[in-house]
Amino acid sequence: MVWNYRLVKKAEDGCIGVHEVYYDENDKPSYMTQDVYTLHSDEDDYESLKEDLELILKHLAYDHSILEYPKDFVGNKY
């Protein structure tokens, strides 16, 4: 299963956040994480947090459109 970080706007509250979005075999958004992605580390590890943030920015740069939930999702589920 393929996934990436995407900006998603939830219809229920209109908030936009970064979510992990998973795709079906036709590359259509199928489901996503319910909660927005939060940067965190178990240690005071700047490099680890920086790498996570860089990966998120890389994914968002690839496709910076904002998905709308549930409209743009095939399964309409978290």
PDB file of N, CA and C in Angstrom:
ATOM      1  N   MET A   1       0.838  -1.177   0.000  1.00  0.00           N
ATOM      2  CA  MET A   1       0.000   0.000   0.000  1.00  0.00           C
ATOM      3  C   MET A   1       0.887   1.246   0.000  1.00  0.00           C
ATOM      4  N   VAL A   2       0.537   2.196  -0.824  1.00  0.00           N
ATOM      5  CA  VAL A   2       1.310   3.423  -0.955  1.00  0.00           C
ATOM      6  C   VAL A   2       0.682   4.508  -0.086  1.00  0.00           C
ATOM      7  N   TRP A   3       1.511   5.326   0.513  1.00  0.00           N
ATOM      8  CA  TRP A   3       1.024   6.436   1.319  1.00  0.00           C
ATOM      9  C   TRP A   3       1.964   7.620   1.160  1.00  0.00           C
ATOM     10  N   ASN A   4       1.473   8.791   1.556  1.00  0.00           N
ATOM     11  CA  ASN A   4       2.327   9.965   1.669  1.00  0.00           C
ATOM     12  C   ASN A   4       1.653  10.977   2.594  1.00  0.00           C
ATOM     13  N   TYR A   5       2.395  12.016   2.910  1.00  0.00           N
ATOM     14  CA  TYR A   5       1.826  13.106   3.694  1.00  0.00           C
ATOM     15  C   TYR A   5       1.108  14.050   2.751  1.00  0.00           C
ATOM     16  N   ARG A   6      -0.097  14.451   3.110  1.00  0.00           N
ATOM     17  CA  ARG A   6      -0.880  15.381   2.288  1.00  0.00           C
ATOM     18  C   ARG A   6      -1.612  16.367   3.179  1.00  0.00           C
ATOM     19  N   LEU A   7      -1.902  17.508   2.605  1.00  0.00           N
ATOM     20  CA  LEU A   7      -2.786  18.452   3.273  1.00  0.00           C
ATOM     21  C   LEU A   7      -4.216  17.992   3.031  1.00  0.00           C
ATOM     22  N   VAL A   8      -4.999  17.923   4.101  1.00  0.00           N
ATOM     23  CA  VAL A   8      -6.386  17.478   4.012  1.00  0.00           C
ATOM     24  C   VAL A   8      -7.271  18.462   4.765  1.00  0.00           C
ATOM     25  N   LYS A   9      -8.356  18.849   4.117  1.00  0.00           N
ATOM     26  CA  LYS A   9      -9.356  19.707   4.749  1.00  0.00           C
ATOM     27  C   LYS A   9     -10.555  18.836   5.108  1.00  0.00           C
ATOM     28  N   LYS A  10     -10.876  18.794   6.401  1.00  0.00           N
ATOM     29  CA  LYS A  10     -12.013  17.996   6.859  1.00  0.00           C
ATOM     30  C   LYS A  10     -13.294  18.813   6.763  1.00  0.00           C
ATOM     31  N   ALA A  11     -14.316  18.245   6.132  1.00  0.00           N
ATOM     32  CA  ALA A  11     -15.592  18.926   5.957  1.00  0.00           C
ATOM     33  C   ALA A  11     -16.259  19.228   7.292  1.00  0.00           C
ATOM     34  N   GLU A  12     -16.059  18.357   8.277  1.00  0.00           N
ATOM     35  CA  GLU A  12     -16.757  18.505   9.553  1.00  0.00           C
ATOM     36  C   GLU A  12     -16.395  19.778  10.304  1.00  0.00           C
ATOM     37  N   ASP A  13     -15.139  20.243  10.158  1.00  0.00           N
ATOM     38  CA  ASP A  13     -14.753  21.457  10.879  1.00  0.00           C
ATOM     39  C   ASP A  13     -14.006  22.480  10.021  1.00  0.00           C
ATOM     40  N   GLY A  14     -13.698  22.123   8.766  1.00  0.00           N
ATOM     41  CA  GLY A  14     -13.021  23.048   7.863  1.00  0.00           C
ATOM     42  C   GLY A  14     -11.541  23.225   8.126  1.00  0.00           C
ATOM     43  N   CYS A  15     -10.993  22.486   9.082  1.00  0.00           N
ATOM     44  CA  CYS A  15      -9.576  22.610   9.412  1.00  0.00           C
ATOM     45  C   CYS A  15      -8.714  21.876   8.393  1.00  0.00           C
ATOM     46  N   ILE A  16      -7.575  22.463   8.087  1.00  0.00           N
ATOM     47  CA  ILE A  16      -6.606  21.855   7.178  1.00  0.00           C
ATOM     48  C   ILE A  16      -5.412  21.401   8.000  1.00  0.00           C
ATOM     49  N   GLY A  17      -4.979  20.157   7.773  1.00  0.00           N
ATOM     50  CA  GLY A  17      -3.833  19.628   8.492  1.00  0.00           C
ATOM     51  C   GLY A  17      -3.061  18.641   7.652  1.00  0.00           C
ATOM     52  N   VAL A  18      -1.906  18.259   8.141  1.00  0.00           N
ATOM     53  CA  VAL A  18      -1.075  17.253   7.483  1.00  0.00           C
ATOM     54  C   VAL A  18      -1.499  15.883   7.998  1.00  0.00           C
ATOM     55  N   HIS A  19      -1.851  14.998   7.069  1.00  0.00           N
ATOM     56  CA  HIS A  19      -2.258  13.634   7.412  1.00  0.00           C
ATOM     57  C   HIS A  19      -1.473  12.643   6.567  1.00  0.00           C
ATOM     58  N   GLU A  20      -1.338  11.422   7.070  1.00  0.00           N
ATOM     59  CA  GLU A  20      -0.851  10.330   6.245  1.00  0.00           C
ATOM     60  C   GLU A  20      -2.046   9.863   5.426  1.00  0.00           C
ATOM     61  N   VAL A  21      -1.903   9.864   4.105  1.00  0.00           N
ATOM     62  CA  VAL A  21      -2.977   9.445   3.207  1.00  0.00           C
ATOM     63  C   VAL A  21      -2.533   8.168   2.498  1.00  0.00           C
ATOM     64  N   TYR A  22      -3.423   7.182   2.485  1.00  0.00           N
ATOM     65  CA  TYR A  22      -3.151   5.886   1.863  1.00  0.00           C
ATOM     66  C   TYR A  22      -3.993   5.748   0.603  1.00  0.00           C
ATOM     67  N   TYR A  23      -3.420   5.120  -0.416  1.00  0.00           N
ATOM     68  CA  TYR A  23      -4.033   5.055  -1.736  1.00  0.00           C
ATOM     69  C   TYR A  23      -4.405   3.630  -2.116  1.00  0.00           C
ATOM     70  N   ASP A  24      -5.473   3.499  -2.920  1.00  0.00           N
ATOM     71  CA  ASP A  24      -5.874   2.179  -3.408  1.00  0.00           C
ATOM     72  C   ASP A  24      -5.045   1.810  -4.632  1.00  0.00           C
ATOM     73  N   GLU A  25      -5.370   0.680  -5.244  1.00  0.00           N
ATOM     74  CA  GLU A  25      -4.604   0.192  -6.407  1.00  0.00           C
ATOM     75  C   GLU A  25      -4.712   1.097  -7.630  1.00  0.00           C
ATOM     76  N   ASN A  26      -5.673   2.025  -7.629  1.00  0.00           N
ATOM     77  CA  ASN A  26      -5.829   2.978  -8.731  1.00  0.00           C
ATOM     78  C   ASN A  26      -5.261   4.355  -8.388  1.00  0.00           C
ATOM     79  N   ASP A  27      -4.464   4.414  -7.330  1.00  0.00           N
ATOM     80  CA  ASP A  27      -3.839   5.652  -6.855  1.00  0.00           C
ATOM     81  C   ASP A  27      -4.841   6.717  -6.420  1.00  0.00           C
ATOM     82  N   LYS A  28      -6.000   6.285  -5.973  1.00  0.00           N
ATOM     83  CA  LYS A  28      -7.009   7.202  -5.439  1.00  0.00           C
ATOM     84  C   LYS A  28      -6.914   7.188  -3.915  1.00  0.00           C
ATOM     85  N   PRO A  29      -7.033   8.351  -3.271  1.00  0.00           N
ATOM     86  CA  PRO A  29      -7.008   8.355  -1.801  1.00  0.00           C
ATOM     87  C   PRO A  29      -8.093   7.436  -1.251  1.00  0.00           C
ATOM     88  N   SER A  30      -7.686   6.525  -0.395  1.00  0.00           N
ATOM     89  CA  SER A  30      -8.618   5.547   0.153  1.00  0.00           C
ATOM     90  C   SER A  30      -8.945   5.854   1.612  1.00  0.00           C
ATOM     91  N   TYR A  31      -7.915   6.096   2.404  1.00  0.00           N
ATOM     92  CA  TYR A  31      -8.145   6.490   3.785  1.00  0.00           C
ATOM     93  C   TYR A  31      -6.954   7.273   4.308  1.00  0.00           C
ATOM     94  N   MET A  32      -7.118   7.819   5.514  1.00  0.00           N
ATOM     95  CA  MET A  32      -6.082   8.673   6.092  1.00  0.00           C
ATOM     96  C   MET A  32      -6.072   8.504   7.608  1.00  0.00           C
ATOM     97  N   THR A  33      -5.026   9.028   8.229  1.00  0.00           N
ATOM     98  CA  THR A  33      -4.991   9.045   9.677  1.00  0.00           C
ATOM     99  C   THR A  33      -6.055  10.015  10.180  1.00  0.00           C
ATOM    100  N   GLN A  34      -6.700   9.664  11.271  1.00  0.00           N
ATOM    101  CA  GLN A  34      -7.770  10.505  11.806  1.00  0.00           C
ATOM    102  C   GLN A  34      -7.221  11.802  12.372  1.00  0.00           C
ATOM    103  N   ASP A  35      -6.119  11.724  13.078  1.00  0.00           N
ATOM    104  CA  ASP A  35      -5.520  12.911  13.686  1.00  0.00           C
ATOM    105  C   ASP A  35      -4.435  13.484  12.782  1.00  0.00           C
ATOM    106  N   VAL A  36      -4.248  14.791  12.867  1.00  0.00           N
ATOM    107  CA  VAL A  36      -3.181  15.430  12.103  1.00  0.00           C
ATOM    108  C   VAL A  36      -1.835  14.914  12.594  1.00  0.00           C
ATOM    109  N   TYR A  37      -0.865  14.944  11.708  1.00  0.00           N
ATOM    110  CA  TYR A  37       0.467  14.475  12.070  1.00  0.00           C
ATOM    111  C   TYR A  37       1.113  15.497  12.999  1.00  0.00           C
ATOM    112  N   THR A  38       1.723  14.991  14.065  1.00  0.00           N
ATOM    113  CA  THR A  38       2.413  15.841  15.025  1.00  0.00           C
ATOM    114  C   THR A  38       3.876  15.443  15.069  1.00  0.00           C
ATOM    115  N   LEU A  39       4.754  16.405  14.927  1.00  0.00           N
ATOM    116  CA  LEU A  39       6.174  16.119  15.068  1.00  0.00           C
ATOM    117  C   LEU A  39       6.458  15.800  16.530  1.00  0.00           C
ATOM    118  N   HIS A  40       7.163  14.718  16.760  1.00  0.00           N
ATOM    119  CA  HIS A  40       7.519  14.357  18.130  1.00  0.00           C
ATOM    120  C   HIS A  40       8.758  13.471  18.112  1.00  0.00           C
ATOM    121  N   SER A  41       9.421  13.447  19.235  1.00  0.00           N
ATOM    122  CA  SER A  41      10.593  12.596  19.387  1.00  0.00           C
ATOM    123  C   SER A  41      10.655  12.134  20.834  1.00  0.00           C
ATOM    124  N   ASP A  42      11.118  10.912  21.040  1.00  0.00           N
ATOM    125  CA  ASP A  42      11.270  10.389  22.392  1.00  0.00           C
ATOM    126  C   ASP A  42      12.503  10.968  23.073  1.00  0.00           C
ATOM    127  N   GLU A  43      13.326  11.612  22.313  1.00  0.00           N
ATOM    128  CA  GLU A  43      14.552  12.198  22.835  1.00  0.00           C
ATOM    129  C   GLU A  43      14.631  13.640  22.370  1.00  0.00           C
ATOM    130  N   ASP A  44      15.575  14.369  22.912  1.00  0.00           N
ATOM    131  CA  ASP A  44      15.838  15.723  22.423  1.00  0.00           C
ATOM    132  C   ASP A  44      16.711  15.588  21.185  1.00  0.00           C
ATOM    133  N   ASP A  45      16.084  15.178  20.100  1.00  0.00           N
ATOM    134  CA  ASP A  45      16.819  14.844  18.892  1.00  0.00           C
ATOM    135  C   ASP A  45      16.403  15.755  17.752  1.00  0.00           C
ATOM    136  N   TYR A  46      17.089  16.875  17.628  1.00  0.00           N
ATOM    137  CA  TYR A  46      16.798  17.852  16.587  1.00  0.00           C
ATOM    138  C   TYR A  46      16.867  17.224  15.204  1.00  0.00           C
ATOM    139  N   GLU A  47      17.869  16.417  14.950  1.00  0.00           N
ATOM    140  CA  GLU A  47      18.066  15.842  13.616  1.00  0.00           C
ATOM    141  C   GLU A  47      16.898  14.944  13.216  1.00  0.00           C
ATOM    142  N   SER A  48      16.392  14.165  14.144  1.00  0.00           N
ATOM    143  CA  SER A  48      15.259  13.292  13.854  1.00  0.00           C
ATOM    144  C   SER A  48      14.018  14.103  13.487  1.00  0.00           C
ATOM    145  N   LEU A  49      13.759  15.149  14.246  1.00  0.00           N
ATOM    146  CA  LEU A  49      12.612  16.010  13.955  1.00  0.00           C
ATOM    147  C   LEU A  49      12.794  16.734  12.627  1.00  0.00           C
ATOM    148  N   LYS A  50      14.008  17.170  12.363  1.00  0.00           N
ATOM    149  CA  LYS A  50      14.309  17.859  11.106  1.00  0.00           C
ATOM    150  C   LYS A  50      14.081  16.921   9.920  1.00  0.00           C
ATOM    151  N   GLU A  51      14.512  15.671  10.029  1.00  0.00           N
ATOM    152  CA  GLU A  51      14.315  14.696   8.950  1.00  0.00           C
ATOM    153  C   GLU A  51      12.828  14.456   8.694  1.00  0.00           C
ATOM    154  N   ASP A  52      12.042  14.338   9.773  1.00  0.00           N
ATOM    155  CA  ASP A  52      10.593  14.159   9.617  1.00  0.00           C
ATOM    156  C   ASP A  52       9.974  15.348   8.894  1.00  0.00           C
ATOM    157  N   LEU A  53      10.349  16.531   9.310  1.00  0.00           N
ATOM    158  CA  LEU A  53       9.806  17.742   8.697  1.00  0.00           C
ATOM    159  C   LEU A  53      10.221  17.857   7.235  1.00  0.00           C
ATOM    160  N   GLU A  54      11.455  17.521   6.926  1.00  0.00           N
ATOM    161  CA  GLU A  54      11.918  17.556   5.538  1.00  0.00           C
ATOM    162  C   GLU A  54      11.146  16.566   4.670  1.00  0.00           C
ATOM    163  N   LEU A  55      10.844  15.386   5.208  1.00  0.00           N
ATOM    164  CA  LEU A  55      10.069  14.394   4.460  1.00  0.00           C
ATOM    165  C   LEU A  55       8.659  14.914   4.190  1.00  0.00           C
ATOM    166  N   ILE A  56       8.048  15.511   5.197  1.00  0.00           N
ATOM    167  CA  ILE A  56       6.711  16.086   5.011  1.00  0.00           C
ATOM    168  C   ILE A  56       6.745  17.151   3.929  1.00  0.00           C
ATOM    169  N   LEU A  57       7.695  18.044   3.989  1.00  0.00           N
ATOM    170  CA  LEU A  57       7.797  19.112   2.990  1.00  0.00           C
ATOM    171  C   LEU A  57       8.062  18.554   1.593  1.00  0.00           C
ATOM    172  N   LYS A  58       8.860  17.484   1.509  1.00  0.00           N
ATOM    173  CA  LYS A  58       9.114  16.841   0.223  1.00  0.00           C
ATOM    174  C   LYS A  58       7.814  16.287  -0.361  1.00  0.00           C
ATOM    175  N   HIS A  59       7.023  15.616   0.460  1.00  0.00           N
ATOM    176  CA  HIS A  59       5.750  15.065  -0.001  1.00  0.00           C
ATOM    177  C   HIS A  59       4.796  16.179  -0.423  1.00  0.00           C
ATOM    178  N   LEU A  60       4.725  17.246   0.362  1.00  0.00           N
ATOM    179  CA  LEU A  60       3.815  18.345   0.033  1.00  0.00           C
ATOM    180  C   LEU A  60       4.261  19.083  -1.228  1.00  0.00           C
ATOM    181  N   ALA A  61       5.556  19.145  -1.472  1.00  0.00           N
ATOM    182  CA  ALA A  61       6.054  19.807  -2.680  1.00  0.00           C
ATOM    183  C   ALA A  61       5.708  19.007  -3.928  1.00  0.00           C
ATOM    184  N   TYR A  62       5.648  17.673  -3.784  1.00  0.00           N
ATOM    185  CA  TYR A  62       5.314  16.823  -4.918  1.00  0.00           C
ATOM    186  C   TYR A  62       3.879  17.060  -5.372  1.00  0.00           C
ATOM    187  N   ASP A  63       2.976  17.183  -4.423  1.00  0.00           N
ATOM    188  CA  ASP A  63       1.573  17.470  -4.747  1.00  0.00           C
ATOM    189  C   ASP A  63       1.025  18.367  -3.650  1.00  0.00           C
ATOM    190  N   HIS A  64       0.988  19.647  -3.923  1.00  0.00           N
ATOM    191  CA  HIS A  64       0.591  20.608  -2.897  1.00  0.00           C
ATOM    192  C   HIS A  64      -0.898  20.957  -2.919  1.00  0.00           C
ATOM    193  N   SER A  65      -1.679  20.191  -3.675  1.00  0.00           N
ATOM    194  CA  SER A  65      -3.122  20.408  -3.646  1.00  0.00           C
ATOM    195  C   SER A  65      -3.684  19.938  -2.300  1.00  0.00           C
ATOM    196  N   ILE A  66      -4.816  20.485  -1.913  1.00  0.00           N
ATOM    197  CA  ILE A  66      -5.443  20.126  -0.647  1.00  0.00           C
ATOM    198  C   ILE A  66      -6.594  19.166  -0.928  1.00  0.00           C
ATOM    199  N   LEU A  67      -6.499  17.972  -0.349  1.00  0.00           N
ATOM    200  CA  LEU A  67      -7.579  17.002  -0.472  1.00  0.00           C
ATOM    201  C   LEU A  67      -8.716  17.395   0.463  1.00  0.00           C
ATOM    202  N   GLU A  68      -9.937  17.093   0.062  1.00  0.00           N
ATOM    203  CA  GLU A  68     -11.082  17.350   0.923  1.00  0.00           C
ATOM    204  C   GLU A  68     -11.630  16.010   1.409  1.00  0.00           C
ATOM    205  N   TYR A  69     -11.802  15.928   2.729  1.00  0.00           N
ATOM    206  CA  TYR A  69     -12.347  14.715   3.320  1.00  0.00           C
ATOM    207  C   TYR A  69     -13.792  14.973   3.735  1.00  0.00           C
ATOM    208  N   PRO A  70     -14.733  14.131   3.322  1.00  0.00           N
ATOM    209  CA  PRO A  70     -14.582  12.820   2.678  1.00  0.00           C
ATOM    210  C   PRO A  70     -14.682  12.852   1.158  1.00  0.00           C
ATOM    211  N   LYS A  71     -14.963  13.994   0.565  1.00  0.00           N
ATOM    212  CA  LYS A  71     -15.253  14.090  -0.874  1.00  0.00           C
ATOM    213  C   LYS A  71     -14.210  13.410  -1.772  1.00  0.00           C
ATOM    214  N   ASP A  72     -12.940  13.603  -1.510  1.00  0.00           N
ATOM    215  CA  ASP A  72     -11.883  13.103  -2.392  1.00  0.00           C
ATOM    216  C   ASP A  72     -11.422  11.678  -2.078  1.00  0.00           C
ATOM    217  N   PHE A  73     -12.054  11.028  -1.109  1.00  0.00           N
ATOM    218  CA  PHE A  73     -11.617   9.711  -0.684  1.00  0.00           C
ATOM    219  C   PHE A  73     -12.575   8.631  -1.174  1.00  0.00           C
ATOM    220  N   VAL A  74     -12.004   7.565  -1.753  1.00  0.00           N
ATOM    221  CA  VAL A  74     -12.784   6.468  -2.282  1.00  0.00           C
ATOM    222  C   VAL A  74     -13.569   5.767  -1.180  1.00  0.00           C
ATOM    223  N   GLY A  75     -12.898   5.471  -0.073  1.00  0.00           N
ATOM    224  CA  GLY A  75     -13.544   4.730   1.007  1.00  0.00           C
ATOM    225  C   GLY A  75     -14.261   5.614   2.013  1.00  0.00           C
ATOM    226  N   ASN A  76     -14.016   6.923   1.938  1.00  0.00           N
ATOM    227  CA  ASN A  76     -14.622   7.874   2.874  1.00  0.00           C
ATOM    228  C   ASN A  76     -14.466   7.437   4.325  1.00  0.00           C
ATOM    229  N   LYS A  77     -13.250   7.036   4.692  1.00  0.00           N
ATOM    230  CA  LYS A  77     -13.029   6.599   6.062  1.00  0.00           C
ATOM    231  C   LYS A  77     -11.660   7.019   6.556  1.00  0.00           C
ATOM    232  N   TYR A  78     -11.525   7.019   7.872  1.00  0.00           N
ATOM    233  CA  TYR A  78     -10.223   7.279   8.488  1.00  0.00           C
ATOM    234  C   TYR A  78      -9.439   5.995   8.487  1.00  0.00           C
TER     235      TYR A  78
END
